[in-house]
């Protein structure tokens, strides 16, 4: 069962998110939630296959508001105020990756660019050139991140030539 099927099943069973962003069971009980390592909140439901499965709160809010549009190619859940912990209904939108990135505070975006620049400095000019050549030859961002020991977002910044200067 993939995450979209799990999400649809949770909604069909009557799980919902209250206005404050807390998960609520079909019987109306506010459920426990926990954060994953990236800071997104989730809760556990018993799925039709009898297994306990995590459902991300921001995705259930988005599915409730926008329905199947959430599953369109290139669409992501956005936190309007840039705070991934704020899952209130009024803070959740859907949009493109670019729109999602622009929701983040300027200092957060700048920190990612600074991290990419620092990582690029860790690589020699030859490694940066080879990374770009690898990407041009079709290597995936995940593969490049692993090969060069840097984050996938950093690969993107290096490929696109984005720096803080």
C-alpha atoms as a PDB file:
ATOM      1  CA  UNK A   1       0.000   0.000   0.000  1.00  0.00           C
ATOM      2  CA  UNK A   2       1.605   3.278  -1.077  1.00  0.00           C
ATOM      3  CA  UNK A   3       1.334   6.566   0.816  1.00  0.00           C
ATOM      4  CA  UNK A   4      -1.441   7.929  -1.441  1.00  0.00           C
ATOM      5  CA  UNK A   5      -3.565   4.809  -0.947  1.00  0.00           C
ATOM      6  CA  UNK A   6      -2.914   4.975   2.794  1.00  0.00           C
ATOM      7  CA  UNK A   7      -3.971   8.623   2.807  1.00  0.00           C
ATOM      8  CA  UNK A   8      -7.180   7.935   0.884  1.00  0.00           C
ATOM      9  CA  UNK A   9      -8.017   5.030   3.180  1.00  0.00           C
ATOM     10  CA  UNK A  10      -7.505   7.127   6.325  1.00  0.00           C
ATOM     11  CA  UNK A  11      -9.783   9.853   4.948  1.00  0.00           C
ATOM     12  CA  UNK A  12     -12.431   7.295   3.895  1.00  0.00           C
ATOM     13  CA  UNK A  13     -12.410   5.805   7.399  1.00  0.00           C
ATOM     14  CA  UNK A  14     -13.102   9.255   8.842  1.00  0.00           C
ATOM     15  CA  UNK A  15      -9.709  10.300  10.172  1.00  0.00           C
ATOM     16  CA  UNK A  16      -9.338  14.056  10.001  1.00  0.00           C
ATOM     17  CA  UNK A  17      -7.201  16.915  11.206  1.00  0.00           C
ATOM     18  CA  UNK A  18      -8.754  19.549  13.458  1.00  0.00           C
ATOM     19  CA  UNK A  19      -8.287  23.291  12.910  1.00  0.00           C
ATOM     20  CA  UNK A  20      -5.251  23.278  15.209  1.00  0.00           C
ATOM     21  CA  UNK A  21      -3.514  20.618  13.113  1.00  0.00           C
ATOM     22  CA  UNK A  22      -4.042  17.642  15.443  1.00  0.00           C
ATOM     23  CA  UNK A  23      -5.152  14.229  14.128  1.00  0.00           C
ATOM     24  CA  UNK A  24      -8.637  13.100  15.136  1.00  0.00           C
ATOM     25  CA  UNK A  25      -9.976   9.540  14.991  1.00  0.00           C
ATOM     26  CA  UNK A  26     -13.327   8.641  13.400  1.00  0.00           C
ATOM     27  CA  UNK A  27     -14.784   8.535  16.947  1.00  0.00           C
ATOM     28  CA  UNK A  28     -13.616  12.109  17.639  1.00  0.00           C
ATOM     29  CA  UNK A  29     -10.617  11.286  19.840  1.00  0.00           C
ATOM     30  CA  UNK A  30      -7.532  13.486  19.410  1.00  0.00           C
ATOM     31  CA  UNK A  31      -4.708  11.112  18.525  1.00  0.00           C
ATOM     32  CA  UNK A  32      -1.045  11.061  19.461  1.00  0.00           C
ATOM     33  CA  UNK A  33       1.324  12.350  16.828  1.00  0.00           C
ATOM     34  CA  UNK A  34       5.082  12.251  16.355  1.00  0.00           C
ATOM     35  CA  UNK A  35       7.656  13.982  14.204  1.00  0.00           C
ATOM     36  CA  UNK A  36       9.802  12.226  11.669  1.00  0.00           C
ATOM     37  CA  UNK A  37      13.499  13.086  11.386  1.00  0.00           C
ATOM     38  CA  UNK A  38      12.767  15.891   8.914  1.00  0.00           C
ATOM     39  CA  UNK A  39      10.283  17.645  11.199  1.00  0.00           C
ATOM     40  CA  UNK A  40       6.996  16.587   9.607  1.00  0.00           C
ATOM     41  CA  UNK A  41       4.195  15.454  11.942  1.00  0.00           C
ATOM     42  CA  UNK A  42       2.449  12.123  11.436  1.00  0.00           C
ATOM     43  CA  UNK A  43       0.110   9.751  13.211  1.00  0.00           C
ATOM     44  CA  UNK A  44      -0.547   6.028  13.033  1.00  0.00           C
ATOM     45  CA  UNK A  45      -3.631   4.277  11.656  1.00  0.00           C
ATOM     46  CA  UNK A  46      -4.501   0.618  11.319  1.00  0.00           C
ATOM     47  CA  UNK A  47      -4.784  -0.027   7.588  1.00  0.00           C
ATOM     48  CA  UNK A  48      -6.995  -2.528   5.810  1.00  0.00           C
ATOM     49  CA  UNK A  49      -4.055  -4.930   5.529  1.00  0.00           C
ATOM     50  CA  UNK A  50      -3.883  -5.058   9.341  1.00  0.00           C
ATOM     51  CA  UNK A  51      -0.623  -3.135   9.603  1.00  0.00           C
ATOM     52  CA  UNK A  52       0.033   0.079  11.487  1.00  0.00           C
ATOM     53  CA  UNK A  53       0.858   2.776   8.960  1.00  0.00           C
ATOM     54  CA  UNK A  54       1.983   6.380   9.296  1.00  0.00           C
ATOM     55  CA  UNK A  55      -0.097   9.144   7.751  1.00  0.00           C
ATOM     56  CA  UNK A  56       1.432  12.595   7.406  1.00  0.00           C
ATOM     57  CA  UNK A  57      -0.763  15.294   8.865  1.00  0.00           C
ATOM     58  CA  UNK A  58       0.018  17.950   6.253  1.00  0.00           C
ATOM     59  CA  UNK A  59      -0.885  15.530   3.465  1.00  0.00           C
ATOM     60  CA  UNK A  60      -4.230  14.591   5.057  1.00  0.00           C
ATOM     61  CA  UNK A  61      -5.078  18.292   5.440  1.00  0.00           C
ATOM     62  CA  UNK A  62      -4.166  18.883   1.787  1.00  0.00           C
ATOM     63  CA  UNK A  63      -6.160  15.854   0.603  1.00  0.00           C
ATOM     64  CA  UNK A  64      -9.166  17.014   2.616  1.00  0.00           C
ATOM     65  CA  UNK A  65      -8.944  20.515   1.099  1.00  0.00           C
ATOM     66  CA  UNK A  66      -7.884  19.737  -2.471  1.00  0.00           C
ATOM     67  CA  UNK A  67      -8.819  16.099  -3.095  1.00  0.00           C
ATOM     68  CA  UNK A  68      -7.206  14.211  -5.960  1.00  0.00           C
ATOM     69  CA  UNK A  69      -5.395  17.369  -7.152  1.00  0.00           C
ATOM     70  CA  UNK A  70      -2.811  16.555  -4.497  1.00  0.00           C
ATOM     71  CA  UNK A  71      -1.737  13.493  -6.516  1.00  0.00           C
ATOM     72  CA  UNK A  72      -1.058  15.328  -9.785  1.00  0.00           C
ATOM     73  CA  UNK A  73       2.483  15.122 -11.098  1.00  0.00           C
ATOM     74  CA  UNK A  74       4.693  17.922  -9.796  1.00  0.00           C
ATOM     75  CA  UNK A  75       2.340  18.923  -6.975  1.00  0.00           C
ATOM     76  CA  UNK A  76       3.584  19.208  -3.399  1.00  0.00           C
ATOM     77  CA  UNK A  77       2.015  20.192  -0.103  1.00  0.00           C
ATOM     78  CA  UNK A  78       2.999  23.705   0.893  1.00  0.00           C
ATOM     79  CA  UNK A  79       3.118  25.326   4.327  1.00  0.00           C
ATOM     80  CA  UNK A  80       2.164  28.919   3.540  1.00  0.00           C
ATOM     81  CA  UNK A  81       4.132  30.333   6.480  1.00  0.00           C
ATOM     82  CA  UNK A  82       7.150  28.088   5.784  1.00  0.00           C
ATOM     83  CA  UNK A  83       6.770  26.272   9.117  1.00  0.00           C
ATOM     84  CA  UNK A  84       6.469  22.512   8.543  1.00  0.00           C
ATOM     85  CA  UNK A  85       5.181  22.065  12.101  1.00  0.00           C
ATOM     86  CA  UNK A  86       2.142  24.279  11.465  1.00  0.00           C
ATOM     87  CA  UNK A  87      -0.475  21.966   9.982  1.00  0.00           C
ATOM     88  CA  UNK A  88      -3.456  24.208  10.589  1.00  0.00           C
ATOM     89  CA  UNK A  89      -5.933  24.131   7.743  1.00  0.00           C
ATOM     90  CA  UNK A  90      -5.355  27.787   6.890  1.00  0.00           C
ATOM     91  CA  UNK A  91      -1.595  27.180   6.487  1.00  0.00           C
ATOM     92  CA  UNK A  92      -1.791  24.271   4.028  1.00  0.00           C
ATOM     93  CA  UNK A  93      -1.786  24.789   0.253  1.00  0.00           C
ATOM     94  CA  UNK A  94      -0.668  22.739  -2.730  1.00  0.00           C
ATOM     95  CA  UNK A  95       1.613  23.884  -5.507  1.00  0.00           C
ATOM     96  CA  UNK A  96       4.830  23.324  -7.364  1.00  0.00           C
ATOM     97  CA  UNK A  97       8.260  22.687  -5.847  1.00  0.00           C
ATOM     98  CA  UNK A  98       9.235  26.260  -6.713  1.00  0.00           C
ATOM     99  CA  UNK A  99       6.214  27.661  -4.886  1.00  0.00           C
ATOM    100  CA  UNK A 100       6.979  25.381  -1.944  1.00  0.00           C
ATOM    101  CA  UNK A 101      10.568  26.650  -1.777  1.00  0.00           C
ATOM    102  CA  UNK A 102       9.403  30.264  -1.922  1.00  0.00           C
ATOM    103  CA  UNK A 103       7.208  29.651   1.138  1.00  0.00           C
ATOM    104  CA  UNK A 104      10.366  29.202   3.187  1.00  0.00           C
ATOM    105  CA  UNK A 105      11.832  32.214   4.957  1.00  0.00           C
ATOM    106  CA  UNK A 106      14.579  33.984   3.000  1.00  0.00           C
ATOM    107  CA  UNK A 107      17.149  33.117   5.671  1.00  0.00           C
ATOM    108  CA  UNK A 108      16.252  29.415   5.374  1.00  0.00           C
ATOM    109  CA  UNK A 109      16.677  29.514   1.604  1.00  0.00           C
ATOM    110  CA  UNK A 110      19.966  31.391   2.022  1.00  0.00           C
ATOM    111  CA  UNK A 111      21.198  28.733   4.453  1.00  0.00           C
ATOM    112  CA  UNK A 112      20.610  26.032   1.824  1.00  0.00           C
ATOM    113  CA  UNK A 113      22.532  28.051  -0.750  1.00  0.00           C
ATOM    114  CA  UNK A 114      25.342  28.632   1.756  1.00  0.00           C
ATOM    115  CA  UNK A 115      25.452  24.895   2.466  1.00  0.00           C
ATOM    116  CA  UNK A 116      25.681  24.174  -1.235  1.00  0.00           C
ATOM    117  CA  UNK A 117      28.450  26.690  -1.656  1.00  0.00           C
ATOM    118  CA  UNK A 118      30.359  25.169   1.276  1.00  0.00           C
ATOM    119  CA  UNK A 119      29.929  21.686  -0.192  1.00  0.00           C
ATOM    120  CA  UNK A 120      31.058  22.940  -3.586  1.00  0.00           C
ATOM    121  CA  UNK A 121      34.200  24.298  -1.916  1.00  0.00           C
ATOM    122  CA  UNK A 122      34.803  20.795  -0.515  1.00  0.00           C
ATOM    123  CA  UNK A 123      34.916  19.530  -4.072  1.00  0.00           C
ATOM    124  CA  UNK A 124      37.766  20.405  -6.345  1.00  0.00           C
ATOM    125  CA  UNK A 125      37.069  22.342  -9.527  1.00  0.00           C
ATOM    126  CA  UNK A 126      37.575  19.071 -11.382  1.00  0.00           C
ATOM    127  CA  UNK A 127      35.024  17.256  -9.181  1.00  0.00           C
ATOM    128  CA  UNK A 128      32.479  20.041  -9.712  1.00  0.00           C
ATOM    129  CA  UNK A 129      33.051  19.839 -13.476  1.00  0.00           C
ATOM    130  CA  UNK A 130      32.740  16.039 -13.369  1.00  0.00           C
ATOM    131  CA  UNK A 131      29.544  16.252 -11.273  1.00  0.00           C
ATOM    132  CA  UNK A 132      28.005  18.596 -13.850  1.00  0.00           C
ATOM    133  CA  UNK A 133      29.138  16.309 -16.676  1.00  0.00           C
ATOM    134  CA  UNK A 134      27.675  13.285 -14.872  1.00  0.00           C
ATOM    135  CA  UNK A 135      24.362  15.101 -14.522  1.00  0.00           C
ATOM    136  CA  UNK A 136      24.400  16.173 -18.174  1.00  0.00           C
ATOM    137  CA  UNK A 137      24.958  12.515 -19.064  1.00  0.00           C
ATOM    138  CA  UNK A 138      21.776  11.595 -17.196  1.00  0.00           C
ATOM    139  CA  UNK A 139      22.936  10.684 -13.684  1.00  0.00           C
ATOM    140  CA  UNK A 140      20.204  11.145 -11.090  1.00  0.00           C
ATOM    141  CA  UNK A 141      20.548  13.592  -8.221  1.00  0.00           C
ATOM    142  CA  UNK A 142      20.411  10.747  -5.649  1.00  0.00           C
ATOM    143  CA  UNK A 143      23.260   8.960  -7.397  1.00  0.00           C
ATOM    144  CA  UNK A 144      25.361  12.119  -7.572  1.00  0.00           C
ATOM    145  CA  UNK A 145      24.764  12.940  -3.908  1.00  0.00           C
ATOM    146  CA  UNK A 146      25.962   9.479  -2.939  1.00  0.00           C
ATOM    147  CA  UNK A 147      28.941   9.525  -5.303  1.00  0.00           C
ATOM    148  CA  UNK A 148      30.214  12.914  -4.103  1.00  0.00           C
ATOM    149  CA  UNK A 149      29.169  12.638  -0.443  1.00  0.00           C
ATOM    150  CA  UNK A 150      26.879  15.666  -0.501  1.00  0.00           C
ATOM    151  CA  UNK A 151      23.152  16.301  -0.133  1.00  0.00           C
ATOM    152  CA  UNK A 152      20.785  16.021  -3.076  1.00  0.00           C
ATOM    153  CA  UNK A 153      19.795  19.684  -2.731  1.00  0.00           C
ATOM    154  CA  UNK A 154      23.483  20.595  -2.859  1.00  0.00           C
ATOM    155  CA  UNK A 155      23.849  18.675  -6.111  1.00  0.00           C
ATOM    156  CA  UNK A 156      21.019  20.793  -7.515  1.00  0.00           C
ATOM    157  CA  UNK A 157      22.688  24.043  -6.503  1.00  0.00           C
ATOM    158  CA  UNK A 158      26.034  22.952  -7.960  1.00  0.00           C
ATOM    159  CA  UNK A 159      24.445  21.787 -11.224  1.00  0.00           C
ATOM    160  CA  UNK A 160      22.608  25.096 -11.553  1.00  0.00           C
ATOM    161  CA  UNK A 161      25.668  27.148 -10.548  1.00  0.00           C
ATOM    162  CA  UNK A 162      23.917  28.858  -7.632  1.00  0.00           C
ATOM    163  CA  UNK A 163      26.215  30.365  -4.986  1.00  0.00           C
ATOM    164  CA  UNK A 164      25.988  33.011  -2.268  1.00  0.00           C
ATOM    165  CA  UNK A 165      28.400  35.358  -3.987  1.00  0.00           C
END
